[in-house]
């Protein structure tokens, strides 16, 4: 009977040790997940900024090209 109680106690101790290891790995994975999410948000912000800057550059280039055309050609384009 005492051997069974001792064996059960040892088994419980082992399970607690394993659970502690699993919790530690979970905590590490959650921290890594948070870092990855932050990196994704950072990259999305960079991408949005780059896209917006690119759109602005294209719009400016088109405006410059439009303004560099002769007035008659600009008038035709504007009325289309």
N, C-alpha and C. Protein backbone atom coordinates (compact mmCIF):
# COMPACT_ATOMS: atom_id res chain seq x y z
N UNK A 1 0.82 -1.19 0.00
CA UNK A 1 0.00 0.00 0.00
C UNK A 1 0.87 1.26 0.00
N UNK A 2 1.89 1.29 0.84
CA UNK A 2 2.80 2.43 0.90
C UNK A 2 3.55 2.59 -0.41
N UNK A 3 3.89 1.45 -1.02
CA UNK A 3 4.60 1.51 -2.30
C UNK A 3 3.70 2.13 -3.37
N UNK A 4 2.42 1.80 -3.33
CA UNK A 4 1.48 2.37 -4.30
C UNK A 4 1.35 3.88 -4.11
N UNK A 5 1.26 4.30 -2.86
CA UNK A 5 1.14 5.73 -2.56
C UNK A 5 2.40 6.46 -3.01
N UNK A 6 3.55 5.87 -2.71
CA UNK A 6 4.83 6.47 -3.11
C UNK A 6 4.92 6.55 -4.64
N UNK A 7 4.53 5.47 -5.33
CA UNK A 7 4.58 5.44 -6.80
C UNK A 7 3.62 6.48 -7.38
N UNK A 8 2.45 6.60 -6.77
CA UNK A 8 1.49 7.59 -7.24
C UNK A 8 2.03 9.00 -7.04
N UNK A 9 2.66 9.24 -5.91
CA UNK A 9 3.26 10.55 -5.63
C UNK A 9 4.36 10.88 -6.63
N UNK A 10 5.19 9.87 -6.94
CA UNK A 10 6.26 10.08 -7.93
C UNK A 10 5.68 10.35 -9.32
N UNK A 11 4.61 9.65 -9.66
CA UNK A 11 3.96 9.86 -10.96
C UNK A 11 3.37 11.27 -11.03
N UNK A 12 2.76 11.71 -9.92
CA UNK A 12 2.21 13.06 -9.89
C UNK A 12 3.31 14.11 -10.01
N UNK A 13 4.43 13.86 -9.33
CA UNK A 13 5.57 14.78 -9.43
C UNK A 13 6.08 14.86 -10.87
N UNK A 14 6.16 13.72 -11.53
CA UNK A 14 6.63 13.69 -12.92
C UNK A 14 5.66 14.44 -13.83
N UNK A 15 4.36 14.23 -13.61
CA UNK A 15 3.36 14.94 -14.42
C UNK A 15 3.44 16.46 -14.19
N UNK A 16 3.65 16.86 -12.95
CA UNK A 16 3.79 18.29 -12.64
C UNK A 16 5.03 18.86 -13.33
N UNK A 17 6.11 18.10 -13.34
CA UNK A 17 7.34 18.53 -14.01
C UNK A 17 7.10 18.67 -15.51
N UNK A 18 6.42 17.70 -16.11
CA UNK A 18 6.12 17.76 -17.54
C UNK A 18 5.21 18.95 -17.85
N UNK A 19 4.21 19.16 -17.01
CA UNK A 19 3.29 20.28 -17.20
C UNK A 19 4.04 21.61 -17.12
N UNK A 20 4.96 21.70 -16.21
CA UNK A 20 5.77 22.91 -16.08
C UNK A 20 6.56 23.16 -17.36
N UNK A 21 7.12 22.10 -17.93
CA UNK A 21 7.86 22.23 -19.19
C UNK A 21 6.97 22.66 -20.34
N UNK A 22 5.76 22.10 -20.38
CA UNK A 22 4.80 22.46 -21.43
C UNK A 22 4.40 23.92 -21.28
N UNK A 23 4.16 24.36 -20.05
CA UNK A 23 3.79 25.76 -19.82
C UNK A 23 4.92 26.70 -20.24
N UNK A 24 6.15 26.31 -19.97
CA UNK A 24 7.30 27.13 -20.36
C UNK A 24 7.38 27.24 -21.88
N UNK A 25 7.20 26.11 -22.57
CA UNK A 25 7.24 26.13 -24.04
C UNK A 25 6.09 26.96 -24.59
N UNK A 26 4.92 26.85 -23.98
CA UNK A 26 3.76 27.63 -24.40
C UNK A 26 4.04 29.13 -24.24
N UNK A 27 4.61 29.49 -23.12
CA UNK A 27 4.94 30.89 -22.87
C UNK A 27 5.93 31.41 -23.91
N UNK A 28 6.93 30.61 -24.24
CA UNK A 28 7.91 31.00 -25.26
C UNK A 28 7.24 31.15 -26.62
N UNK A 29 6.35 30.22 -26.95
CA UNK A 29 5.65 30.28 -28.24
C UNK A 29 4.75 31.51 -28.31
N UNK A 30 4.09 31.83 -27.20
CA UNK A 30 3.23 33.01 -27.18
C UNK A 30 4.05 34.29 -27.34
N UNK A 31 5.21 34.34 -26.70
CA UNK A 31 6.09 35.51 -26.85
C UNK A 31 6.56 35.64 -28.29
N UNK A 32 6.94 34.53 -28.89
CA UNK A 32 7.37 34.55 -30.29
C UNK A 32 6.21 34.98 -31.20
N UNK A 33 5.02 34.50 -30.90
CA UNK A 33 3.83 34.86 -31.67
C UNK A 33 3.57 36.38 -31.59
N UNK A 34 3.71 36.94 -30.39
CA UNK A 34 3.52 38.39 -30.23
C UNK A 34 4.57 39.16 -31.03
N UNK A 35 5.81 38.68 -31.02
CA UNK A 35 6.87 39.34 -31.79
C UNK A 35 6.57 39.27 -33.28
N UNK A 36 6.10 38.13 -33.75
CA UNK A 36 5.79 37.98 -35.17
C UNK A 36 4.62 38.89 -35.56
N UNK A 37 3.60 38.97 -34.71
CA UNK A 37 2.47 39.86 -35.00
C UNK A 37 2.94 41.31 -35.07
N UNK A 38 3.81 41.70 -34.16
CA UNK A 38 4.34 43.06 -34.17
C UNK A 38 5.13 43.31 -35.45
N UNK A 39 5.91 42.33 -35.89
CA UNK A 39 6.68 42.46 -37.12
C UNK A 39 5.75 42.56 -38.33
N UNK A 40 4.69 41.77 -38.34
CA UNK A 40 3.71 41.83 -39.44
C UNK A 40 3.09 43.23 -39.49
N UNK A 41 2.70 43.76 -38.34
CA UNK A 41 2.11 45.11 -38.30
C UNK A 41 3.11 46.15 -38.79
N UNK A 42 4.37 45.99 -38.40
CA UNK A 42 5.41 46.93 -38.83
C UNK A 42 5.58 46.87 -40.34
N UNK A 43 5.63 45.66 -40.88
CA UNK A 43 5.80 45.50 -42.33
C UNK A 43 4.57 46.00 -43.10
N UNK A 44 3.39 45.77 -42.55
CA UNK A 44 2.17 46.28 -43.19
C UNK A 44 2.18 47.81 -43.23
N UNK A 45 2.65 48.42 -42.14
CA UNK A 45 2.72 49.88 -42.10
C UNK A 45 3.72 50.40 -43.13
N UNK A 46 4.86 49.73 -43.25
CA UNK A 46 5.85 50.11 -44.25
C UNK A 46 5.27 49.96 -45.64
N UNK A 47 4.59 48.85 -45.87
CA UNK A 47 4.00 48.58 -47.18
C UNK A 47 2.95 49.63 -47.53
N UNK A 48 2.10 49.97 -46.57
CA UNK A 48 1.06 50.98 -46.81
C UNK A 48 1.68 52.33 -47.11
N UNK A 49 2.72 52.68 -46.36
CA UNK A 49 3.41 53.95 -46.58
C UNK A 49 4.06 53.96 -47.96
N UNK A 50 4.73 52.87 -48.30
CA UNK A 50 5.39 52.78 -49.61
C UNK A 50 4.37 52.86 -50.73
N UNK A 51 3.26 52.17 -50.57
CA UNK A 51 2.21 52.18 -51.59
C UNK A 51 1.63 53.58 -51.75
N UNK A 52 1.39 54.25 -50.64
CA UNK A 52 0.85 55.61 -50.67
C UNK A 52 1.84 56.56 -51.33
N UNK A 53 3.12 56.41 -50.97
CA UNK A 53 4.15 57.26 -51.58
C UNK A 53 4.24 56.98 -53.08
N UNK A 54 4.14 55.72 -53.45
CA UNK A 54 4.21 55.35 -54.86
C UNK A 54 3.02 55.94 -55.62
N UNK A 55 1.82 55.84 -55.04
CA UNK A 55 0.63 56.41 -55.67
C UNK A 55 0.78 57.92 -55.85
N UNK A 56 1.32 58.58 -54.83
CA UNK A 56 1.53 60.03 -54.91
C UNK A 56 2.53 60.37 -56.00
N UNK A 57 3.61 59.60 -56.08
CA UNK A 57 4.63 59.84 -57.11
C UNK A 57 4.04 59.65 -58.50
N UNK A 58 3.25 58.61 -58.69
CA UNK A 58 2.62 58.36 -59.99
C UNK A 58 1.68 59.51 -60.34
N UNK A 59 0.87 59.94 -59.38
CA UNK A 59 -0.07 61.04 -59.62
C UNK A 59 0.68 62.31 -59.99
N UNK A 60 1.76 62.59 -59.29
CA UNK A 60 2.55 63.79 -59.60
C UNK A 60 3.16 63.68 -61.00
N UNK A 61 3.68 62.51 -61.32
CA UNK A 61 4.29 62.31 -62.64
C UNK A 61 3.25 62.50 -63.74
N UNK A 62 2.06 61.96 -63.52
CA UNK A 62 1.00 62.12 -64.52
C UNK A 62 0.60 63.58 -64.66
N UNK A 63 0.54 64.30 -63.56
CA UNK A 63 0.19 65.73 -63.60
C UNK A 63 1.25 66.51 -64.36
N UNK A 64 2.52 66.20 -64.11
CA UNK A 64 3.61 66.88 -64.82
C UNK A 64 3.53 66.59 -66.31
N UNK A 65 3.31 65.32 -66.65
CA UNK A 65 3.20 64.96 -68.07
C UNK A 65 2.02 65.67 -68.72
N UNK A 66 0.89 65.71 -68.02
CA UNK A 66 -0.30 66.37 -68.54
C UNK A 66 -0.03 67.86 -68.77
N UNK A 67 0.63 68.48 -67.80
CA UNK A 67 0.92 69.92 -67.90
C UNK A 67 1.94 70.22 -68.99
N UNK A 68 2.79 69.24 -69.33
CA UNK A 68 3.82 69.48 -70.33
C UNK A 68 3.29 69.35 -71.76
N UNK A 69 2.06 68.88 -71.92
CA UNK A 69 1.45 68.76 -73.25
C UNK A 69 0.97 70.13 -73.73
N UNK A 70 0.87 70.28 -75.01
CA UNK A 70 0.31 71.54 -75.53
C UNK A 70 -1.13 71.73 -75.03
N UNK A 71 -1.54 72.98 -74.90
CA UNK A 71 -2.85 73.32 -74.35
C UNK A 71 -3.99 72.64 -75.10
N UNK A 72 -3.93 72.57 -76.42
CA UNK A 72 -5.01 71.95 -77.21
C UNK A 72 -5.14 70.47 -76.87
N UNK A 73 -4.01 69.79 -76.72
CA UNK A 73 -4.04 68.36 -76.39
C UNK A 73 -4.59 68.15 -74.97
N UNK A 74 -4.21 69.02 -74.06
CA UNK A 74 -4.72 68.93 -72.68
C UNK A 74 -6.23 69.11 -72.68
N UNK A 75 -6.72 70.04 -73.48
CA UNK A 75 -8.16 70.31 -73.54
C UNK A 75 -8.90 69.09 -74.05
N UNK A 76 -8.35 68.42 -75.08
CA UNK A 76 -8.98 67.20 -75.61
C UNK A 76 -9.04 66.12 -74.54
N UNK A 77 -7.92 65.93 -73.81
CA UNK A 77 -7.86 64.91 -72.76
C UNK A 77 -8.85 65.22 -71.64
N UNK A 78 -8.97 66.47 -71.28
CA UNK A 78 -9.83 66.85 -70.16
C UNK A 78 -11.30 66.66 -70.49
N UNK A 79 -11.69 66.79 -71.77
CA UNK A 79 -13.10 66.68 -72.13
C UNK A 79 -13.52 65.25 -72.44
N UNK A 80 -12.60 64.32 -72.47
CA UNK A 80 -12.94 62.92 -72.76
C UNK A 80 -13.68 62.27 -71.63
